[in-house]
Amino acid sequence: MIQEGRFCPGKPIREIELCKEFNVSRTPVREALRLLQNSGVIKYVPRCGVQVVEMDEKDLLFFTDIRTALETVSTREAASNITPDDIKELRSINDKFLDNKDSDYDTEFHMAIARISGNNCLIEYLKNLHIRQALVKQTIPMKPERYIHSYEEHEAIIQALELKDPELAAKQADIHFHISQVSLQNKLRKYLSEK
């Protein structure tokens, strides 16, 4: 619901409304909210309740820097473990990403690489970052022209993984995220100037 924009940053999330919508008691709702709070997606504000965190430009760029570092390590490690079936899966996800113009497939693509890396710690950290960055998708969606470029960058990563070249794979991931960060910075400047 947060990813879909039903709960906007700074607006309260009412437990009772969630209980009614999902037809559950407060216990599972409170547990879900606690997990989201631990992930940094929501926060408790005295006398206001729980709300989605607001992120500024600095926060978003920090997240992108951290994600770049983790994704680069993930891709490097995946190169040693990759199988032909993994390559097929990555290409299939990348094709869906381009065909559907849906950034959720971008997340699926990068999480598949993390899974292939076999590093459970990286997987958990990246899941958390993806959840937090999902807040951005609603406010600042991917530009339509960026899909083809991301698709091609993903393909370069796949080719490096197919060669089982850890350094080349890491370099391609770094390039991909560098370009994404420049794109995000441009979108943020435009968004903030229009606010």
N, C-alpha and C. Protein backbone atom coordinates (compact mmCIF):
# COMPACT_ATOMS: atom_id res chain seq x y z
N MET A 1 0.83 -1.19 0.00
CA MET A 1 0.00 0.00 0.00
C MET A 1 0.87 1.25 0.00
N ILE A 2 2.01 1.17 0.69
CA ILE A 2 2.93 2.30 0.69
C ILE A 2 3.54 2.45 -0.70
N GLN A 3 3.96 1.33 -1.29
CA GLN A 3 4.54 1.37 -2.63
C GLN A 3 3.55 1.89 -3.66
N GLU A 4 2.27 1.62 -3.47
CA GLU A 4 1.24 2.08 -4.41
C GLU A 4 0.87 3.53 -4.18
N GLY A 5 1.41 4.13 -3.13
CA GLY A 5 1.11 5.53 -2.86
C GLY A 5 -0.15 5.78 -2.06
N ARG A 6 -0.73 4.71 -1.49
CA ARG A 6 -1.94 4.90 -0.70
C ARG A 6 -1.64 5.60 0.62
N PHE A 7 -0.41 5.44 1.09
CA PHE A 7 0.03 6.15 2.29
C PHE A 7 1.20 7.03 1.88
N CYS A 8 1.00 8.32 1.97
CA CYS A 8 2.02 9.27 1.55
C CYS A 8 2.90 9.67 2.73
N PRO A 9 4.15 10.04 2.44
CA PRO A 9 5.05 10.51 3.50
C PRO A 9 4.43 11.65 4.31
N GLY A 10 4.56 11.54 5.62
CA GLY A 10 4.06 12.58 6.51
C GLY A 10 2.60 12.45 6.89
N LYS A 11 1.90 11.53 6.26
CA LYS A 11 0.46 11.33 6.56
C LYS A 11 0.30 10.14 7.50
N PRO A 12 -0.61 10.26 8.48
CA PRO A 12 -0.76 9.17 9.44
C PRO A 12 -1.34 7.89 8.83
N ILE A 13 -0.91 6.77 9.41
CA ILE A 13 -1.44 5.46 9.05
C ILE A 13 -2.27 5.00 10.24
N ARG A 14 -3.52 4.78 10.04
CA ARG A 14 -4.43 4.42 11.13
C ARG A 14 -4.54 2.91 11.27
N GLU A 15 -4.18 2.41 12.43
CA GLU A 15 -4.25 0.97 12.70
C GLU A 15 -5.65 0.43 12.51
N ILE A 16 -6.61 1.14 13.05
CA ILE A 16 -8.00 0.67 13.02
C ILE A 16 -8.50 0.49 11.59
N GLU A 17 -8.08 1.41 10.69
CA GLU A 17 -8.50 1.30 9.29
C GLU A 17 -7.87 0.07 8.62
N LEU A 18 -6.62 -0.21 8.97
CA LEU A 18 -5.96 -1.39 8.43
C LEU A 18 -6.61 -2.67 8.94
N CYS A 19 -6.98 -2.66 10.22
CA CYS A 19 -7.67 -3.82 10.81
C CYS A 19 -8.97 -4.11 10.07
N LYS A 20 -9.72 -3.06 9.78
CA LYS A 20 -10.99 -3.22 9.07
C LYS A 20 -10.75 -3.70 7.64
N GLU A 21 -9.79 -3.09 6.97
CA GLU A 21 -9.53 -3.44 5.57
C GLU A 21 -9.10 -4.89 5.40
N PHE A 22 -8.26 -5.37 6.33
CA PHE A 22 -7.74 -6.73 6.22
C PHE A 22 -8.50 -7.72 7.09
N ASN A 23 -9.49 -7.22 7.82
CA ASN A 23 -10.32 -8.05 8.67
C ASN A 23 -9.47 -8.88 9.64
N VAL A 24 -8.58 -8.17 10.35
CA VAL A 24 -7.69 -8.80 11.33
C VAL A 24 -7.70 -7.97 12.62
N SER A 25 -7.16 -8.57 13.66
CA SER A 25 -7.05 -7.85 14.93
C SER A 25 -5.87 -6.87 14.86
N ARG A 26 -5.69 -6.12 15.91
CA ARG A 26 -4.60 -5.14 15.94
C ARG A 26 -3.22 -5.80 16.04
N THR A 27 -3.14 -7.00 16.57
CA THR A 27 -1.84 -7.65 16.78
C THR A 27 -1.05 -7.81 15.47
N PRO A 28 -1.61 -8.42 14.40
CA PRO A 28 -0.81 -8.54 13.17
C PRO A 28 -0.52 -7.19 12.51
N VAL A 29 -1.44 -6.25 12.65
CA VAL A 29 -1.21 -4.92 12.09
C VAL A 29 -0.06 -4.24 12.82
N ARG A 30 -0.08 -4.32 14.14
CA ARG A 30 1.01 -3.72 14.92
C ARG A 30 2.36 -4.38 14.61
N GLU A 31 2.35 -5.70 14.42
CA GLU A 31 3.59 -6.41 14.09
C GLU A 31 4.11 -5.96 12.72
N ALA A 32 3.21 -5.83 11.75
CA ALA A 32 3.61 -5.36 10.41
C ALA A 32 4.17 -3.94 10.49
N LEU A 33 3.51 -3.09 11.25
CA LEU A 33 3.99 -1.71 11.40
C LEU A 33 5.35 -1.68 12.12
N ARG A 34 5.52 -2.56 13.09
CA ARG A 34 6.80 -2.62 13.81
C ARG A 34 7.92 -3.02 12.85
N LEU A 35 7.64 -4.00 11.99
CA LEU A 35 8.65 -4.44 11.02
C LEU A 35 8.99 -3.31 10.04
N LEU A 36 7.98 -2.58 9.61
CA LEU A 36 8.23 -1.45 8.71
C LEU A 36 9.00 -0.34 9.41
N GLN A 37 8.70 -0.15 10.69
CA GLN A 37 9.43 0.85 11.46
C GLN A 37 10.90 0.43 11.61
N ASN A 38 11.14 -0.84 11.87
CA ASN A 38 12.52 -1.34 11.97
C ASN A 38 13.26 -1.20 10.65
N SER A 39 12.52 -1.25 9.54
CA SER A 39 13.14 -1.10 8.22
C SER A 39 13.36 0.35 7.85
N GLY A 40 12.82 1.26 8.64
CA GLY A 40 13.01 2.69 8.36
C GLY A 40 12.01 3.26 7.38
N VAL A 41 10.94 2.51 7.09
CA VAL A 41 9.94 2.96 6.12
C VAL A 41 8.90 3.87 6.78
N ILE A 42 8.56 3.53 8.02
CA ILE A 42 7.61 4.36 8.76
C ILE A 42 8.25 4.76 10.09
N LYS A 43 7.65 5.74 10.73
CA LYS A 43 8.15 6.18 12.03
C LYS A 43 6.96 6.53 12.92
N TYR A 44 7.21 6.48 14.22
CA TYR A 44 6.20 6.88 15.19
C TYR A 44 6.45 8.33 15.56
N VAL A 45 5.41 9.14 15.44
CA VAL A 45 5.50 10.56 15.80
C VAL A 45 4.54 10.78 16.96
N PRO A 46 5.05 11.23 18.11
CA PRO A 46 4.18 11.46 19.27
C PRO A 46 2.98 12.35 18.91
N ARG A 47 1.83 11.97 19.40
CA ARG A 47 0.56 12.66 19.21
C ARG A 47 0.06 12.67 17.76
N CYS A 48 0.79 12.02 16.87
CA CYS A 48 0.36 11.93 15.47
C CYS A 48 0.18 10.48 15.04
N GLY A 49 0.91 9.58 15.69
CA GLY A 49 0.84 8.17 15.34
C GLY A 49 1.93 7.76 14.38
N VAL A 50 1.64 6.71 13.64
CA VAL A 50 2.60 6.14 12.69
C VAL A 50 2.40 6.80 11.34
N GLN A 51 3.52 7.10 10.68
CA GLN A 51 3.43 7.68 9.33
C GLN A 51 4.64 7.28 8.50
N VAL A 52 4.47 7.34 7.20
CA VAL A 52 5.54 7.04 6.26
C VAL A 52 6.59 8.13 6.40
N VAL A 53 7.86 7.71 6.43
CA VAL A 53 8.93 8.70 6.58
C VAL A 53 9.04 9.58 5.35
N GLU A 54 9.44 10.80 5.58
CA GLU A 54 9.72 11.72 4.48
C GLU A 54 11.22 11.70 4.25
N MET A 55 11.61 11.59 2.98
CA MET A 55 13.02 11.58 2.66
C MET A 55 13.36 12.80 1.83
N ASP A 56 14.48 13.41 2.15
CA ASP A 56 14.91 14.55 1.36
C ASP A 56 15.92 14.09 0.31
N GLU A 57 16.38 15.04 -0.48
CA GLU A 57 17.31 14.73 -1.57
C GLU A 57 18.56 14.04 -1.05
N LYS A 58 19.07 14.51 0.07
CA LYS A 58 20.29 13.95 0.65
C LYS A 58 20.09 12.47 1.01
N ASP A 59 18.93 12.16 1.66
CA ASP A 59 18.62 10.78 2.03
C ASP A 59 18.58 9.87 0.80
N LEU A 60 17.90 10.35 -0.24
CA LEU A 60 17.75 9.54 -1.45
C LEU A 60 19.09 9.26 -2.10
N LEU A 61 19.95 10.25 -2.13
CA LEU A 61 21.26 10.06 -2.74
C LEU A 61 22.13 9.13 -1.89
N PHE A 62 22.01 9.23 -0.55
CA PHE A 62 22.73 8.30 0.32
C PHE A 62 22.29 6.87 0.06
N PHE A 63 20.96 6.66 -0.06
CA PHE A 63 20.43 5.32 -0.33
C PHE A 63 20.99 4.79 -1.64
N THR A 64 21.04 5.66 -2.65
CA THR A 64 21.55 5.22 -3.94
C THR A 64 23.02 4.87 -3.86
N ASP A 65 23.80 5.66 -3.10
CA ASP A 65 25.22 5.34 -2.92
C ASP A 65 25.39 3.98 -2.25
N ILE A 66 24.62 3.75 -1.20
CA ILE A 66 24.72 2.48 -0.47
C ILE A 66 24.27 1.33 -1.36
N ARG A 67 23.18 1.55 -2.08
CA ARG A 67 22.68 0.50 -2.96
C ARG A 67 23.71 0.17 -4.04
N THR A 68 24.35 1.20 -4.60
CA THR A 68 25.37 0.97 -5.62
C THR A 68 26.48 0.08 -5.08
N ALA A 69 26.94 0.39 -3.88
CA ALA A 69 28.02 -0.40 -3.28
C ALA A 69 27.58 -1.85 -3.07
N LEU A 70 26.38 -2.05 -2.52
CA LEU A 70 25.90 -3.40 -2.25
C LEU A 70 25.61 -4.18 -3.53
N GLU A 71 25.01 -3.52 -4.51
CA GLU A 71 24.68 -4.20 -5.77
C GLU A 71 25.96 -4.58 -6.51
N THR A 72 26.99 -3.75 -6.41
CA THR A 72 28.26 -4.06 -7.06
C THR A 72 28.88 -5.32 -6.45
N VAL A 73 28.87 -5.39 -5.13
CA VAL A 73 29.39 -6.57 -4.44
C VAL A 73 28.54 -7.79 -4.79
N SER A 74 27.23 -7.62 -4.79
CA SER A 74 26.31 -8.71 -5.11
C SER A 74 26.58 -9.26 -6.50
N THR A 75 26.76 -8.37 -7.47
CA THR A 75 26.99 -8.78 -8.85
C THR A 75 28.35 -9.47 -8.99
N ARG A 76 29.35 -8.94 -8.29
CA ARG A 76 30.68 -9.57 -8.32
C ARG A 76 30.59 -11.02 -7.81
N GLU A 77 29.90 -11.20 -6.68
CA GLU A 77 29.77 -12.54 -6.09
C GLU A 77 28.92 -13.47 -6.95
N ALA A 78 27.90 -12.91 -7.61
CA ALA A 78 27.02 -13.73 -8.45
C ALA A 78 27.78 -14.32 -9.63
N ALA A 79 28.79 -13.60 -10.12
CA ALA A 79 29.55 -14.08 -11.29
C ALA A 79 30.20 -15.44 -11.03
N SER A 80 30.52 -15.70 -9.79
CA SER A 80 31.16 -16.98 -9.46
C SER A 80 30.16 -18.13 -9.35
N ASN A 81 28.89 -17.79 -9.12
CA ASN A 81 27.86 -18.82 -8.88
C ASN A 81 26.88 -19.01 -10.03
N ILE A 82 26.93 -18.15 -11.01
CA ILE A 82 25.90 -18.09 -12.05
C ILE A 82 25.84 -19.40 -12.86
N THR A 83 24.64 -19.80 -13.20
CA THR A 83 24.41 -20.99 -14.03
C THR A 83 23.69 -20.56 -15.31
N PRO A 84 23.66 -21.41 -16.33
CA PRO A 84 22.90 -21.08 -17.54
C PRO A 84 21.42 -20.81 -17.25
N ASP A 85 20.84 -21.54 -16.30
CA ASP A 85 19.44 -21.29 -15.93
C ASP A 85 19.27 -19.91 -15.30
N ASP A 86 20.25 -19.49 -14.50
CA ASP A 86 20.20 -18.15 -13.91
C ASP A 86 20.24 -17.08 -14.99
N ILE A 87 21.08 -17.28 -16.00
CA ILE A 87 21.18 -16.34 -17.12
C ILE A 87 19.83 -16.23 -17.83
N LYS A 88 19.19 -17.38 -18.08
CA LYS A 88 17.86 -17.37 -18.71
C LYS A 88 16.86 -16.60 -17.87
N GLU A 89 16.90 -16.83 -16.56
CA GLU A 89 15.97 -16.13 -15.66
C GLU A 89 16.20 -14.63 -15.71
N LEU A 90 17.45 -14.21 -15.66
CA LEU A 90 17.75 -12.77 -15.69
C LEU A 90 17.29 -12.14 -17.00
N ARG A 91 17.50 -12.84 -18.10
CA ARG A 91 17.07 -12.30 -19.40
C ARG A 91 15.53 -12.22 -19.47
N SER A 92 14.88 -13.22 -18.92
CA SER A 92 13.41 -13.22 -18.90
C SER A 92 12.87 -12.03 -18.08
N ILE A 93 13.46 -11.81 -16.92
CA ILE A 93 13.03 -10.68 -16.08
C ILE A 93 13.31 -9.36 -16.80
N ASN A 94 14.47 -9.27 -17.42
CA ASN A 94 14.83 -8.03 -18.12
C ASN A 94 13.89 -7.76 -19.29
N ASP A 95 13.49 -8.81 -20.01
CA ASP A 95 12.52 -8.66 -21.10
C ASP A 95 11.18 -8.16 -20.56
N LYS A 96 10.73 -8.72 -19.43
CA LYS A 96 9.47 -8.26 -18.83
C LYS A 96 9.57 -6.80 -18.40
N PHE A 97 10.74 -6.43 -17.87
CA PHE A 97 10.99 -5.05 -17.46
C PHE A 97 10.76 -4.11 -18.64
N LEU A 98 11.34 -4.44 -19.79
CA LEU A 98 11.20 -3.57 -20.96
C LEU A 98 9.79 -3.64 -21.54
N ASP A 99 9.25 -4.84 -21.67
CA ASP A 99 7.92 -5.01 -22.27
C ASP A 99 6.82 -4.32 -21.46
N ASN A 100 6.92 -4.40 -20.14
CA ASN A 100 5.86 -3.87 -19.28
C ASN A 100 6.13 -2.45 -18.77
N LYS A 101 7.35 -1.96 -18.98
CA LYS A 101 7.74 -0.63 -18.46
C LYS A 101 7.34 -0.53 -16.98
N ASP A 102 7.78 -1.53 -16.23
CA ASP A 102 7.42 -1.63 -14.82
C ASP A 102 8.69 -1.75 -13.99
N SER A 103 8.93 -0.75 -13.13
CA SER A 103 10.16 -0.73 -12.35
C SER A 103 10.21 -1.85 -11.30
N ASP A 104 9.08 -2.50 -11.04
CA ASP A 104 9.11 -3.65 -10.12
C ASP A 104 9.99 -4.77 -10.69
N TYR A 105 10.04 -4.87 -12.02
CA TYR A 105 10.91 -5.87 -12.64
C TYR A 105 12.38 -5.51 -12.48
N ASP A 106 12.68 -4.22 -12.36
CA ASP A 106 14.05 -3.80 -12.07
C ASP A 106 14.46 -4.33 -10.70
N THR A 107 13.58 -4.16 -9.73
CA THR A 107 13.84 -4.69 -8.39
C THR A 107 14.00 -6.20 -8.44
N GLU A 108 13.10 -6.87 -9.17
CA GLU A 108 13.18 -8.33 -9.28
C GLU A 108 14.50 -8.77 -9.92
N PHE A 109 14.95 -8.02 -10.92
CA PHE A 109 16.21 -8.33 -11.61
C PHE A 109 17.38 -8.27 -10.63
N HIS A 110 17.46 -7.19 -9.88
CA HIS A 110 18.60 -7.01 -8.97
C HIS A 110 18.51 -7.96 -7.77
N MET A 111 17.30 -8.27 -7.32
CA MET A 111 17.17 -9.23 -6.22
C MET A 111 17.52 -10.64 -6.70
N ALA A 112 17.27 -10.95 -7.98
CA ALA A 112 17.67 -12.26 -8.52
C ALA A 112 19.19 -12.37 -8.51
N ILE A 113 19.87 -11.30 -8.87
CA ILE A 113 21.35 -11.31 -8.83
C ILE A 113 21.82 -11.51 -7.39
N ALA A 114 21.18 -10.82 -6.45
CA ALA A 114 21.56 -10.99 -5.04
C ALA A 114 21.37 -12.44 -4.59
N ARG A 115 20.25 -13.04 -5.01
CA ARG A 115 19.99 -14.44 -4.65
C ARG A 115 21.07 -15.34 -5.24
N ILE A 116 21.45 -15.07 -6.49
CA ILE A 116 22.48 -15.87 -7.15
C ILE A 116 23.82 -15.72 -6.43
N SER A 117 24.05 -14.55 -5.85
CA SER A 117 25.32 -14.33 -5.12
C SER A 117 25.45 -15.30 -3.95
N GLY A 118 24.32 -15.73 -3.40
CA GLY A 118 24.34 -16.65 -2.27
C GLY A 118 24.67 -15.98 -0.95
N ASN A 119 24.75 -14.66 -0.94
CA ASN A 119 25.11 -13.91 0.27
C ASN A 119 23.84 -13.43 0.96
N ASN A 120 23.40 -14.16 1.99
CA ASN A 120 22.14 -13.84 2.67
C ASN A 120 22.15 -12.47 3.34
N CYS A 121 23.29 -12.06 3.82
CA CYS A 121 23.41 -10.74 4.44
C CYS A 121 23.11 -9.64 3.40
N LEU A 122 23.73 -9.76 2.24
CA LEU A 122 23.48 -8.80 1.15
C LEU A 122 22.00 -8.80 0.76
N ILE A 123 21.42 -9.96 0.67
CA ILE A 123 20.01 -10.07 0.28
C ILE A 123 19.14 -9.28 1.25
N GLU A 124 19.37 -9.45 2.54
CA GLU A 124 18.56 -8.74 3.54
C GLU A 124 18.75 -7.23 3.46
N TYR A 125 20.00 -6.80 3.34
CA TYR A 125 20.26 -5.36 3.23
C TYR A 125 19.60 -4.78 1.97
N LEU A 126 19.71 -5.50 0.86
CA LEU A 126 19.13 -5.00 -0.38
C LEU A 126 17.60 -4.98 -0.33
N LYS A 127 17.00 -5.98 0.30
CA LYS A 127 15.54 -5.97 0.47
C LYS A 127 15.10 -4.71 1.20
N ASN A 128 15.83 -4.40 2.28
CA ASN A 128 15.50 -3.21 3.06
C ASN A 128 15.64 -1.94 2.21
N LEU A 129 16.72 -1.83 1.45
CA LEU A 129 16.90 -0.65 0.61
C LEU A 129 15.83 -0.56 -0.47
N HIS A 130 15.45 -1.70 -1.05
CA HIS A 130 14.40 -1.68 -2.07
C HIS A 130 13.07 -1.22 -1.48
N ILE A 131 12.78 -1.65 -0.28
CA ILE A 131 11.54 -1.21 0.38
C ILE A 131 11.57 0.30 0.57
N ARG A 132 12.68 0.80 1.07
CA ARG A 132 12.79 2.23 1.33
C ARG A 132 12.78 3.04 0.04
N GLN A 133 13.43 2.53 -0.99
CA GLN A 133 13.45 3.27 -2.25
C GLN A 133 12.11 3.20 -2.99
N ALA A 134 11.28 2.25 -2.61
CA ALA A 134 9.96 2.16 -3.24
C ALA A 134 9.16 3.43 -2.96
N LEU A 135 9.47 4.11 -1.88
CA LEU A 135 8.79 5.36 -1.57
C LEU A 135 9.03 6.39 -2.66
N VAL A 136 10.17 6.31 -3.30
CA VAL A 136 10.54 7.28 -4.32
C VAL A 136 9.75 7.05 -5.60
N LYS A 137 9.46 5.79 -5.90
CA LYS A 137 8.81 5.46 -7.17
C LYS A 137 7.49 6.20 -7.36
N GLN A 138 6.76 6.40 -6.28
CA GLN A 138 5.47 7.07 -6.40
C GLN A 138 5.63 8.56 -6.66
N THR A 139 6.62 9.16 -6.02
CA THR A 139 6.83 10.59 -6.15
C THR A 139 7.60 10.93 -7.41
N ILE A 140 8.63 10.14 -7.69
CA ILE A 140 9.50 10.42 -8.83
C ILE A 140 9.64 9.14 -9.66
N PRO A 141 8.66 8.86 -10.53
CA PRO A 141 8.72 7.61 -11.31
C PRO A 141 9.84 7.64 -12.35
N MET A 142 10.18 6.45 -12.85
CA MET A 142 11.21 6.32 -13.87
C MET A 142 10.73 7.00 -15.15
N LYS A 143 11.63 7.73 -15.79
CA LYS A 143 11.30 8.38 -17.06
C LYS A 143 11.11 7.30 -18.13
N PRO A 144 10.14 7.48 -19.03
CA PRO A 144 9.90 6.45 -20.06
C PRO A 144 11.15 6.11 -20.88
N GLU A 145 11.96 7.11 -21.21
CA GLU A 145 13.16 6.84 -22.02
C GLU A 145 14.24 6.09 -21.25
N ARG A 146 14.12 6.06 -19.94
CA ARG A 146 15.14 5.39 -19.11
C ARG A 146 15.00 3.86 -19.20
N TYR A 147 13.80 3.36 -19.54
CA TYR A 147 13.59 1.91 -19.58
C TYR A 147 14.52 1.22 -20.58
N ILE A 148 14.63 1.76 -21.79
CA ILE A 148 15.48 1.11 -22.80
C ILE A 148 16.95 1.17 -22.37
N HIS A 149 17.35 2.28 -21.77
CA HIS A 149 18.74 2.40 -21.32
C HIS A 149 19.02 1.41 -20.18
N SER A 150 18.10 1.31 -19.22
CA SER A 150 18.28 0.36 -18.12
C SER A 150 18.30 -1.07 -18.64
N TYR A 151 17.42 -1.34 -19.59
CA TYR A 151 17.39 -2.68 -20.21
C TYR A 151 18.76 -3.02 -20.79
N GLU A 152 19.34 -2.09 -21.55
CA GLU A 152 20.65 -2.32 -22.16
C GLU A 152 21.75 -2.46 -21.11
N GLU A 153 21.67 -1.66 -20.04
CA GLU A 153 22.64 -1.76 -18.95
C GLU A 153 22.51 -3.11 -18.24
N HIS A 154 21.27 -3.57 -18.05
CA HIS A 154 21.04 -4.90 -17.47
C HIS A 154 21.66 -5.98 -18.37
N GLU A 155 21.47 -5.82 -19.67
CA GLU A 155 22.01 -6.80 -20.62
C GLU A 155 23.54 -6.85 -20.53
N ALA A 156 24.17 -5.70 -20.35
CA ALA A 156 25.63 -5.66 -20.20
C ALA A 156 26.06 -6.40 -18.93
N ILE A 157 25.27 -6.26 -17.87
CA ILE A 157 25.55 -6.99 -16.62
C ILE A 157 25.40 -8.49 -16.87
N ILE A 158 24.32 -8.87 -17.56
CA ILE A 158 24.09 -10.30 -17.86
C ILE A 158 25.25 -10.87 -18.67
N GLN A 159 25.70 -10.13 -19.68
CA GLN A 159 26.80 -10.62 -20.52
C GLN A 159 28.07 -10.83 -19.69
N ALA A 160 28.35 -9.90 -18.76
CA ALA A 160 29.53 -10.05 -17.90
C ALA A 160 29.37 -11.25 -16.97
N LEU A 161 28.14 -11.45 -16.47
CA LEU A 161 27.89 -12.61 -15.62
C LEU A 161 28.03 -13.91 -16.42
N GLU A 162 27.55 -13.87 -17.65
CA GLU A 162 27.64 -15.05 -18.52
C GLU A 162 29.10 -15.44 -18.77
N LEU A 163 29.97 -14.45 -18.81
CA LEU A 163 31.41 -14.69 -18.97
C LEU A 163 32.06 -15.16 -17.67
N LYS A 164 31.26 -15.09 -16.58
CA LYS A 164 31.75 -15.44 -15.24
C LYS A 164 32.96 -14.57 -14.86
N ASP A 165 32.86 -13.29 -15.24
CA ASP A 165 33.94 -12.33 -14.97
C ASP A 165 33.50 -11.40 -13.84
N PRO A 166 33.93 -11.68 -12.60
CA PRO A 166 33.47 -10.90 -11.45
C PRO A 166 33.77 -9.41 -11.57
N GLU A 167 34.98 -9.06 -12.04
CA GLU A 167 35.34 -7.64 -12.11
C GLU A 167 34.55 -6.90 -13.18
N LEU A 168 34.37 -7.52 -14.33
CA LEU A 168 33.59 -6.91 -15.39
C LEU A 168 32.12 -6.77 -14.96
N ALA A 169 31.60 -7.79 -14.32
CA ALA A 169 30.20 -7.75 -13.84
C ALA A 169 30.03 -6.62 -12.83
N ALA A 170 30.98 -6.50 -11.90
CA ALA A 170 30.90 -5.43 -10.89
C ALA A 170 31.00 -4.06 -11.56
N LYS A 171 31.86 -3.96 -12.56
CA LYS A 171 32.03 -2.69 -13.27
C LYS A 171 30.75 -2.30 -14.01
N GLN A 172 30.11 -3.29 -14.65
CA GLN A 172 28.86 -3.02 -15.37
C GLN A 172 27.75 -2.60 -14.39
N ALA A 173 27.71 -3.24 -13.23
CA ALA A 173 26.72 -2.85 -12.22
C ALA A 173 26.99 -1.44 -11.73
N ASP A 174 28.25 -1.11 -11.52
CA ASP A 174 28.63 0.23 -11.07
C ASP A 174 28.23 1.28 -12.10
N ILE A 175 28.47 1.00 -13.36
CA ILE A 175 28.08 1.93 -14.44
C ILE A 175 26.56 2.12 -14.42
N HIS A 176 25.84 1.01 -14.34
CA HIS A 176 24.37 1.06 -14.32
C HIS A 176 23.87 1.95 -13.19
N PHE A 177 24.41 1.77 -11.99
CA PHE A 177 23.93 2.55 -10.86
C PHE A 177 24.43 3.99 -10.89
N HIS A 178 25.58 4.22 -11.48
CA HIS A 178 26.05 5.59 -11.63
C HIS A 178 25.09 6.37 -12.54
N ILE A 179 24.73 5.75 -13.66
CA ILE A 179 23.80 6.40 -14.59
C ILE A 179 22.44 6.61 -13.91
N SER A 180 21.99 5.62 -13.15
CA SER A 180 20.71 5.74 -12.43
C SER A 180 20.76 6.90 -11.44
N GLN A 181 21.90 7.04 -10.75
CA GLN A 181 22.01 8.12 -9.77
C GLN A 181 21.99 9.49 -10.44
N VAL A 182 22.67 9.62 -11.57
CA VAL A 182 22.64 10.89 -12.30
C VAL A 182 21.20 11.20 -12.73
N SER A 183 20.50 10.18 -13.21
CA SER A 183 19.10 10.35 -13.61
C SER A 183 18.24 10.76 -12.42
N LEU A 184 18.45 10.11 -11.27
CA LEU A 184 17.71 10.46 -10.06
C LEU A 184 17.99 11.89 -9.63
N GLN A 185 19.25 12.30 -9.67
CA GLN A 185 19.59 13.67 -9.30
C GLN A 185 18.87 14.68 -10.18
N ASN A 186 18.84 14.40 -11.48
CA ASN A 186 18.15 15.30 -12.40
C ASN A 186 16.65 15.37 -12.11
N LYS A 187 16.06 14.20 -11.85
CA LYS A 187 14.62 14.16 -11.52
C LYS A 187 14.35 14.90 -10.21
N LEU A 188 15.22 14.71 -9.23
CA LEU A 188 15.04 15.37 -7.94
C LEU A 188 15.10 16.89 -8.08
N ARG A 189 16.07 17.37 -8.84
CA ARG A 189 16.17 18.82 -9.05
C ARG A 189 14.90 19.36 -9.69
N LYS A 190 14.41 18.65 -10.69
CA LYS A 190 13.18 19.08 -11.37
C LYS A 190 12.00 19.04 -10.41
N TYR A 191 11.89 17.95 -9.67
CA TYR A 191 10.78 17.78 -8.71
C TYR A 191 10.80 18.88 -7.65
N LEU A 192 11.98 19.14 -7.09
CA LEU A 192 12.10 20.15 -6.03
C LEU A 192 11.86 21.56 -6.56
N SER A 193 12.23 21.82 -7.81
CA SER A 193 11.98 23.15 -8.38
C SER A 193 10.50 23.38 -8.66
N GLU A 194 9.74 22.30 -8.84
CA GLU A 194 8.30 22.40 -9.11
C GLU A 194 7.46 22.43 -7.85
N LYS A 195 8.08 22.10 -6.70
CA LYS A 195 7.34 22.05 -5.42
C LYS A 195 6.95 23.43 -4.94
